[in-house]
Amino acid sequence: MSKNLEVYSITFCKLDEEGEPLVNEDGSLKLFQDTNRRFDFSWLSDVIDDDLVEHLQEITDDRT
C-alpha cells in the first residue's frame, strides 16, 4: 500500500442548540462542504497513520 496519503474530501454536519445533528426533510443527515476551499486541511495527511485508513469500495457524490 502507498504511504502517500492526501485529503480528497471533507464533509461537515451542523448541530442544533441541543447538540443534535441537522437533518433533511427525509430524515437523512444534512451535510456541508467548504465549497470555496477556504480551509487548509493538508496537515491531515501528516497525522493520519496508514493503518487507520480503509479502502472505499464506492464513492458517492451527495453534493446536489
N, C-alpha and C. Protein backbone atom coordinates (compact mmCIF):
# COMPACT_ATOMS: atom_id res chain seq x y z
N MET A 1 0.83 -1.18 0.00
CA MET A 1 0.00 0.00 0.00
C MET A 1 0.88 1.24 0.00
N SER A 2 0.41 2.25 -0.67
CA SER A 2 1.14 3.51 -0.74
C SER A 2 1.21 4.18 0.62
N LYS A 3 2.30 4.83 0.88
CA LYS A 3 2.46 5.57 2.13
C LYS A 3 2.12 7.04 1.96
N ASN A 4 1.74 7.45 0.75
CA ASN A 4 1.40 8.85 0.50
C ASN A 4 -0.10 9.03 0.62
N LEU A 5 -0.54 9.72 1.66
CA LEU A 5 -1.96 9.98 1.88
C LEU A 5 -2.23 11.46 1.66
N GLU A 6 -3.30 11.76 0.96
CA GLU A 6 -3.71 13.14 0.73
C GLU A 6 -5.19 13.27 1.07
N VAL A 7 -5.62 14.47 1.38
CA VAL A 7 -7.02 14.73 1.67
C VAL A 7 -7.78 14.83 0.35
N TYR A 8 -8.84 14.04 0.20
CA TYR A 8 -9.65 14.04 -1.01
C TYR A 8 -10.91 14.87 -0.81
N SER A 9 -11.58 14.66 0.30
CA SER A 9 -12.84 15.35 0.55
C SER A 9 -13.12 15.40 2.04
N ILE A 10 -13.69 16.52 2.48
CA ILE A 10 -14.08 16.64 3.89
C ILE A 10 -15.52 17.14 3.92
N THR A 11 -16.32 16.49 4.74
CA THR A 11 -17.73 16.83 4.87
C THR A 11 -18.03 17.15 6.33
N PHE A 12 -18.88 18.14 6.54
CA PHE A 12 -19.25 18.57 7.88
C PHE A 12 -20.74 18.35 8.12
N CYS A 13 -21.11 18.25 9.38
CA CYS A 13 -22.52 18.33 9.76
C CYS A 13 -22.63 19.45 10.79
N LYS A 14 -23.81 20.05 10.87
CA LYS A 14 -24.06 21.10 11.86
C LYS A 14 -24.96 20.54 12.95
N LEU A 15 -24.78 21.05 14.16
CA LEU A 15 -25.59 20.63 15.30
C LEU A 15 -26.51 21.77 15.71
N ASP A 16 -27.69 21.41 16.22
CA ASP A 16 -28.60 22.43 16.73
C ASP A 16 -28.21 22.79 18.16
N GLU A 17 -29.03 23.62 18.82
CA GLU A 17 -28.72 24.09 20.17
C GLU A 17 -28.63 22.97 21.19
N GLU A 18 -29.33 21.86 20.94
CA GLU A 18 -29.30 20.72 21.86
C GLU A 18 -28.17 19.73 21.54
N GLY A 19 -27.40 20.03 20.50
CA GLY A 19 -26.30 19.14 20.13
C GLY A 19 -26.69 18.03 19.18
N GLU A 20 -27.92 18.10 18.64
CA GLU A 20 -28.39 17.11 17.68
C GLU A 20 -28.04 17.54 16.26
N PRO A 21 -27.64 16.60 15.41
CA PRO A 21 -27.31 16.96 14.03
C PRO A 21 -28.54 17.43 13.25
N LEU A 22 -28.36 18.41 12.38
CA LEU A 22 -29.43 18.86 11.50
C LEU A 22 -29.71 17.77 10.48
N VAL A 23 -30.98 17.60 10.13
CA VAL A 23 -31.37 16.58 9.18
C VAL A 23 -32.20 17.19 8.06
N ASN A 24 -32.21 16.51 6.92
CA ASN A 24 -33.03 16.89 5.78
C ASN A 24 -34.47 16.47 6.04
N GLU A 25 -35.38 16.89 5.15
CA GLU A 25 -36.80 16.55 5.30
C GLU A 25 -37.03 15.04 5.35
N ASP A 26 -36.18 14.27 4.67
CA ASP A 26 -36.35 12.81 4.66
C ASP A 26 -35.68 12.13 5.86
N GLY A 27 -35.12 12.92 6.77
CA GLY A 27 -34.51 12.37 7.98
C GLY A 27 -33.03 12.06 7.85
N SER A 28 -32.48 12.17 6.64
CA SER A 28 -31.05 11.91 6.45
C SER A 28 -30.23 13.08 6.99
N LEU A 29 -29.01 12.79 7.34
CA LEU A 29 -28.10 13.79 7.89
C LEU A 29 -27.84 14.89 6.88
N LYS A 30 -27.95 16.15 7.29
CA LYS A 30 -27.67 17.29 6.42
C LYS A 30 -26.16 17.53 6.43
N LEU A 31 -25.54 17.42 5.26
CA LEU A 31 -24.09 17.53 5.14
C LEU A 31 -23.69 18.83 4.46
N PHE A 32 -22.51 19.33 4.82
CA PHE A 32 -21.99 20.58 4.29
C PHE A 32 -20.54 20.39 3.87
N GLN A 33 -20.10 21.21 2.90
CA GLN A 33 -18.70 21.19 2.46
C GLN A 33 -18.16 22.61 2.36
N ASP A 34 -16.86 22.74 2.40
CA ASP A 34 -16.17 24.02 2.20
C ASP A 34 -15.99 24.20 0.69
N THR A 35 -17.06 24.61 0.00
CA THR A 35 -17.01 24.71 -1.46
C THR A 35 -16.08 25.81 -1.95
N ASN A 36 -15.79 26.80 -1.12
CA ASN A 36 -14.88 27.88 -1.52
C ASN A 36 -13.43 27.57 -1.20
N ARG A 37 -13.19 26.40 -0.62
CA ARG A 37 -11.83 25.94 -0.28
C ARG A 37 -11.06 26.97 0.56
N ARG A 38 -11.73 27.48 1.58
CA ARG A 38 -11.11 28.47 2.46
C ARG A 38 -10.25 27.83 3.54
N PHE A 39 -10.53 26.56 3.85
CA PHE A 39 -9.81 25.89 4.92
C PHE A 39 -8.67 25.04 4.36
N ASP A 40 -7.56 25.03 5.07
CA ASP A 40 -6.41 24.22 4.67
C ASP A 40 -6.37 22.95 5.50
N PHE A 41 -6.73 21.83 4.87
CA PHE A 41 -6.72 20.54 5.55
C PHE A 41 -5.51 19.69 5.17
N SER A 42 -4.55 20.26 4.51
CA SER A 42 -3.39 19.49 4.05
C SER A 42 -2.62 18.86 5.20
N TRP A 43 -2.67 19.45 6.38
CA TRP A 43 -1.95 18.90 7.54
C TRP A 43 -2.48 17.53 7.95
N LEU A 44 -3.72 17.21 7.59
CA LEU A 44 -4.27 15.91 7.97
C LEU A 44 -3.46 14.75 7.41
N SER A 45 -2.94 14.92 6.21
CA SER A 45 -2.16 13.82 5.63
C SER A 45 -0.87 13.57 6.41
N ASP A 46 -0.43 14.55 7.20
CA ASP A 46 0.78 14.37 8.01
C ASP A 46 0.50 13.61 9.31
N VAL A 47 -0.74 13.58 9.75
CA VAL A 47 -1.04 12.98 11.05
C VAL A 47 -1.85 11.68 10.96
N ILE A 48 -2.31 11.31 9.76
CA ILE A 48 -3.08 10.09 9.60
C ILE A 48 -2.14 8.92 9.38
N ASP A 49 -2.27 7.91 10.23
CA ASP A 49 -1.46 6.72 10.11
C ASP A 49 -2.05 5.81 9.04
N ASP A 50 -1.21 5.23 8.22
CA ASP A 50 -1.66 4.37 7.12
C ASP A 50 -2.50 3.20 7.61
N ASP A 51 -2.26 2.73 8.82
CA ASP A 51 -3.01 1.60 9.37
C ASP A 51 -4.44 1.99 9.77
N LEU A 52 -4.74 3.28 9.84
CA LEU A 52 -6.06 3.74 10.29
C LEU A 52 -7.04 3.98 9.15
N VAL A 53 -6.59 3.88 7.92
CA VAL A 53 -7.48 4.16 6.79
C VAL A 53 -7.93 2.87 6.13
N GLU A 54 -9.13 2.91 5.57
CA GLU A 54 -9.68 1.75 4.88
C GLU A 54 -10.02 2.15 3.45
N HIS A 55 -9.90 1.21 2.54
CA HIS A 55 -10.24 1.43 1.13
C HIS A 55 -11.76 1.54 0.98
N LEU A 56 -12.23 2.57 0.28
CA LEU A 56 -13.66 2.70 0.00
C LEU A 56 -13.98 1.93 -1.27
N GLN A 57 -15.01 1.11 -1.21
CA GLN A 57 -15.40 0.34 -2.38
C GLN A 57 -16.16 1.20 -3.38
N GLU A 58 -16.86 2.21 -2.87
CA GLU A 58 -17.65 3.06 -3.74
C GLU A 58 -17.63 4.48 -3.19
N ILE A 59 -17.48 5.46 -4.05
CA ILE A 59 -17.54 6.85 -3.65
C ILE A 59 -18.82 7.43 -4.22
N THR A 60 -19.65 7.99 -3.36
CA THR A 60 -20.88 8.64 -3.83
C THR A 60 -20.72 10.14 -3.69
N ASP A 61 -21.33 10.86 -4.58
CA ASP A 61 -21.25 12.31 -4.57
C ASP A 61 -22.63 12.86 -4.22
N ASP A 62 -22.79 13.32 -2.98
CA ASP A 62 -24.07 13.82 -2.49
C ASP A 62 -24.13 15.34 -2.44
N ARG A 63 -23.38 16.01 -3.29
CA ARG A 63 -23.29 17.46 -3.24
C ARG A 63 -24.42 18.18 -3.97
N THR A 64 -25.48 17.49 -4.32
CA THR A 64 -26.57 18.14 -5.04
C THR A 64 -27.55 18.76 -4.10
